[in-house]
Amino acid sequence: MSEKVGDAKDITIAADPVDASDATAVVKATTATSGDETVATVTKKSDGTFTVTGVKAGTATITFTSGDFTATLAVTITEAA
């Protein structure tokens, strides 16, 4: 994912398969961390989505975790035009 310094993008988490008996619980329990908060921050909103915000130019990895499940998202932040 790419964005510019100061920009924010919302990320929606979904279980696969979406009709699994524990899909809602897995999604609700998801947390996220940024590997470098000086480049990009991540916050969980009340509706369960996550917002990734560019802080400074560089790269960071956002890690989403729920129980034993983990997914990562590579983020590249570029200077604002």
N, C-alpha and C. Protein backbone atom coordinates (compact mmCIF):
# COMPACT_ATOMS: atom_id res chain seq x y z
N MET A 1 0.84 -1.16 0.00
CA MET A 1 0.00 0.00 0.00
C MET A 1 0.89 1.23 0.00
N SER A 2 0.53 2.22 -0.78
CA SER A 2 1.28 3.47 -0.83
C SER A 2 0.37 4.63 -0.49
N GLU A 3 0.92 5.58 0.23
CA GLU A 3 0.20 6.82 0.51
C GLU A 3 1.22 7.90 0.80
N LYS A 4 0.74 9.14 0.89
CA LYS A 4 1.62 10.27 1.13
C LYS A 4 1.59 10.69 2.59
N VAL A 5 2.63 11.40 2.99
CA VAL A 5 2.70 11.94 4.35
C VAL A 5 1.43 12.74 4.62
N GLY A 6 0.79 12.47 5.74
CA GLY A 6 -0.43 13.16 6.13
C GLY A 6 -1.71 12.50 5.65
N ASP A 7 -1.60 11.60 4.68
CA ASP A 7 -2.78 10.89 4.19
C ASP A 7 -3.14 9.75 5.14
N ALA A 8 -4.41 9.35 5.10
CA ALA A 8 -4.89 8.23 5.92
C ALA A 8 -5.77 7.34 5.05
N LYS A 9 -5.62 6.04 5.22
CA LYS A 9 -6.45 5.08 4.51
C LYS A 9 -7.05 4.11 5.50
N ASP A 10 -8.31 3.75 5.27
CA ASP A 10 -8.98 2.78 6.13
C ASP A 10 -8.78 1.37 5.58
N ILE A 11 -8.57 0.44 6.48
CA ILE A 11 -8.37 -0.97 6.15
C ILE A 11 -9.49 -1.75 6.83
N THR A 12 -10.14 -2.62 6.08
CA THR A 12 -11.19 -3.48 6.63
C THR A 12 -10.66 -4.90 6.72
N ILE A 13 -10.86 -5.52 7.86
CA ILE A 13 -10.43 -6.89 8.09
C ILE A 13 -11.63 -7.81 7.87
N ALA A 14 -11.39 -8.94 7.18
CA ALA A 14 -12.45 -9.93 6.96
C ALA A 14 -11.88 -11.32 7.22
N ALA A 15 -12.71 -12.19 7.73
CA ALA A 15 -12.31 -13.57 7.95
C ALA A 15 -12.49 -14.35 6.65
N ASP A 16 -11.71 -15.42 6.49
CA ASP A 16 -11.83 -16.27 5.31
C ASP A 16 -11.87 -17.72 5.80
N PRO A 17 -12.95 -18.42 5.68
CA PRO A 17 -14.17 -18.00 4.98
C PRO A 17 -15.02 -17.06 5.84
N VAL A 18 -15.75 -16.18 5.19
CA VAL A 18 -16.54 -15.18 5.91
C VAL A 18 -17.69 -15.81 6.69
N ASP A 19 -18.10 -17.01 6.31
CA ASP A 19 -19.21 -17.66 7.00
C ASP A 19 -18.74 -18.69 8.03
N ALA A 20 -17.46 -18.63 8.42
CA ALA A 20 -16.95 -19.52 9.46
C ALA A 20 -17.68 -19.22 10.77
N SER A 21 -17.85 -20.22 11.60
CA SER A 21 -18.61 -20.04 12.84
C SER A 21 -17.99 -19.00 13.76
N ASP A 22 -16.67 -18.81 13.69
CA ASP A 22 -16.00 -17.84 14.56
C ASP A 22 -15.54 -16.59 13.81
N ALA A 23 -16.03 -16.37 12.60
CA ALA A 23 -15.56 -15.25 11.77
C ALA A 23 -15.73 -13.91 12.47
N THR A 24 -16.88 -13.66 13.05
CA THR A 24 -17.13 -12.38 13.71
C THR A 24 -16.19 -12.19 14.89
N ALA A 25 -15.98 -13.22 15.68
CA ALA A 25 -15.10 -13.12 16.84
C ALA A 25 -13.65 -12.87 16.42
N VAL A 26 -13.22 -13.54 15.36
CA VAL A 26 -11.85 -13.37 14.88
C VAL A 26 -11.63 -11.93 14.42
N VAL A 27 -12.57 -11.40 13.66
CA VAL A 27 -12.44 -10.02 13.17
C VAL A 27 -12.48 -9.03 14.34
N LYS A 28 -13.39 -9.23 15.27
CA LYS A 28 -13.54 -8.31 16.40
C LYS A 28 -12.30 -8.30 17.29
N ALA A 29 -11.61 -9.43 17.40
CA ALA A 29 -10.44 -9.54 18.27
C ALA A 29 -9.15 -9.05 17.62
N THR A 30 -9.22 -8.66 16.36
CA THR A 30 -8.01 -8.25 15.63
C THR A 30 -7.41 -6.97 16.21
N THR A 31 -6.09 -7.00 16.36
CA THR A 31 -5.32 -5.83 16.77
C THR A 31 -4.31 -5.54 15.66
N ALA A 32 -3.73 -4.36 15.69
CA ALA A 32 -2.74 -4.00 14.67
C ALA A 32 -1.62 -3.18 15.29
N THR A 33 -0.41 -3.38 14.78
CA THR A 33 0.74 -2.60 15.21
C THR A 33 1.56 -2.20 13.99
N SER A 34 2.24 -1.07 14.11
CA SER A 34 3.15 -0.61 13.06
C SER A 34 4.57 -0.97 13.45
N GLY A 35 5.30 -1.49 12.49
CA GLY A 35 6.71 -1.81 12.75
C GLY A 35 7.57 -0.56 12.89
N ASP A 36 7.08 0.58 12.43
CA ASP A 36 7.80 1.84 12.55
C ASP A 36 6.80 2.99 12.62
N GLU A 37 6.42 3.36 13.83
CA GLU A 37 5.42 4.41 14.02
C GLU A 37 5.93 5.80 13.64
N THR A 38 7.23 5.94 13.39
CA THR A 38 7.73 7.23 12.90
C THR A 38 7.41 7.39 11.41
N VAL A 39 7.09 6.28 10.72
CA VAL A 39 6.74 6.30 9.30
C VAL A 39 5.22 6.21 9.11
N ALA A 40 4.58 5.27 9.79
CA ALA A 40 3.13 5.08 9.65
C ALA A 40 2.54 4.61 10.97
N THR A 41 1.39 5.17 11.32
CA THR A 41 0.68 4.74 12.52
C THR A 41 -0.57 3.98 12.10
N VAL A 42 -1.07 3.18 13.01
CA VAL A 42 -2.31 2.44 12.75
C VAL A 42 -3.18 2.51 14.00
N THR A 43 -4.45 2.83 13.82
CA THR A 43 -5.39 2.91 14.93
C THR A 43 -6.66 2.14 14.56
N LYS A 44 -7.27 1.53 15.57
CA LYS A 44 -8.53 0.81 15.37
C LYS A 44 -9.68 1.76 15.68
N LYS A 45 -10.62 1.84 14.75
CA LYS A 45 -11.79 2.70 14.93
C LYS A 45 -12.92 1.91 15.60
N SER A 46 -13.91 2.63 16.09
CA SER A 46 -15.02 1.99 16.82
C SER A 46 -15.81 1.02 15.94
N ASP A 47 -15.77 1.21 14.62
CA ASP A 47 -16.52 0.30 13.73
C ASP A 47 -15.71 -0.94 13.36
N GLY A 48 -14.50 -1.07 13.93
CA GLY A 48 -13.67 -2.25 13.70
C GLY A 48 -12.70 -2.13 12.55
N THR A 49 -12.78 -1.05 11.77
CA THR A 49 -11.80 -0.83 10.71
C THR A 49 -10.54 -0.21 11.32
N PHE A 50 -9.48 -0.22 10.55
CA PHE A 50 -8.21 0.34 10.99
C PHE A 50 -7.83 1.49 10.07
N THR A 51 -7.23 2.53 10.63
CA THR A 51 -6.76 3.66 9.83
C THR A 51 -5.23 3.69 9.88
N VAL A 52 -4.62 3.66 8.69
CA VAL A 52 -3.18 3.77 8.56
C VAL A 52 -2.88 5.19 8.09
N THR A 53 -2.02 5.90 8.84
CA THR A 53 -1.71 7.29 8.55
C THR A 53 -0.21 7.44 8.29
N GLY A 54 0.13 8.12 7.18
CA GLY A 54 1.53 8.38 6.85
C GLY A 54 2.08 9.50 7.70
N VAL A 55 3.23 9.27 8.34
CA VAL A 55 3.85 10.25 9.21
C VAL A 55 5.05 10.91 8.53
N LYS A 56 5.93 10.08 7.95
CA LYS A 56 7.09 10.59 7.22
C LYS A 56 7.44 9.58 6.12
N ALA A 57 8.22 10.03 5.16
CA ALA A 57 8.59 9.16 4.04
C ALA A 57 9.39 7.96 4.54
N GLY A 58 9.07 6.79 3.99
CA GLY A 58 9.78 5.57 4.37
C GLY A 58 8.88 4.37 4.20
N THR A 59 9.29 3.25 4.77
CA THR A 59 8.49 2.03 4.70
C THR A 59 8.25 1.49 6.10
N ALA A 60 7.13 0.82 6.25
CA ALA A 60 6.79 0.19 7.53
C ALA A 60 5.93 -1.03 7.23
N THR A 61 5.89 -1.94 8.16
CA THR A 61 5.04 -3.12 8.06
C THR A 61 3.97 -3.03 9.14
N ILE A 62 2.71 -3.13 8.71
CA ILE A 62 1.60 -3.16 9.65
C ILE A 62 1.26 -4.63 9.88
N THR A 63 1.22 -5.05 11.14
CA THR A 63 0.92 -6.44 11.48
C THR A 63 -0.44 -6.51 12.16
N PHE A 64 -1.33 -7.31 11.58
CA PHE A 64 -2.66 -7.53 12.12
C PHE A 64 -2.66 -8.91 12.78
N THR A 65 -3.18 -9.00 14.02
CA THR A 65 -3.16 -10.25 14.76
C THR A 65 -4.52 -10.50 15.42
N SER A 66 -4.96 -11.75 15.34
CA SER A 66 -6.16 -12.19 16.06
C SER A 66 -5.92 -13.63 16.46
N GLY A 67 -5.69 -13.85 17.75
CA GLY A 67 -5.38 -15.21 18.21
C GLY A 67 -4.13 -15.71 17.52
N ASP A 68 -4.24 -16.88 16.86
CA ASP A 68 -3.10 -17.47 16.15
C ASP A 68 -2.96 -16.95 14.73
N PHE A 69 -3.88 -16.11 14.29
CA PHE A 69 -3.86 -15.60 12.91
C PHE A 69 -3.09 -14.29 12.83
N THR A 70 -2.23 -14.18 11.81
CA THR A 70 -1.44 -12.97 11.60
C THR A 70 -1.41 -12.65 10.11
N ALA A 71 -1.54 -11.38 9.79
CA ALA A 71 -1.39 -10.91 8.41
C ALA A 71 -0.55 -9.62 8.44
N THR A 72 0.22 -9.41 7.40
CA THR A 72 1.05 -8.19 7.35
C THR A 72 0.70 -7.38 6.09
N LEU A 73 0.95 -6.10 6.19
CA LEU A 73 0.71 -5.17 5.09
C LEU A 73 1.93 -4.27 4.99
N ALA A 74 2.60 -4.30 3.83
CA ALA A 74 3.73 -3.42 3.60
C ALA A 74 3.20 -2.05 3.20
N VAL A 75 3.74 -1.01 3.83
CA VAL A 75 3.29 0.36 3.58
C VAL A 75 4.49 1.20 3.14
N THR A 76 4.31 1.94 2.06
CA THR A 76 5.32 2.89 1.60
C THR A 76 4.73 4.28 1.67
N ILE A 77 5.40 5.16 2.40
CA ILE A 77 4.95 6.53 2.55
C ILE A 77 5.88 7.43 1.75
N THR A 78 5.31 8.30 0.92
CA THR A 78 6.08 9.24 0.12
C THR A 78 5.78 10.66 0.57
N GLU A 79 6.68 11.58 0.22
CA GLU A 79 6.49 12.98 0.58
C GLU A 79 5.23 13.52 -0.09
N ALA A 80 4.52 14.38 0.62
CA ALA A 80 3.32 15.02 0.05
C ALA A 80 3.78 15.97 -1.06
N ALA A 81 2.97 16.06 -2.10
CA ALA A 81 3.34 16.91 -3.23
C ALA A 81 3.17 18.38 -2.91
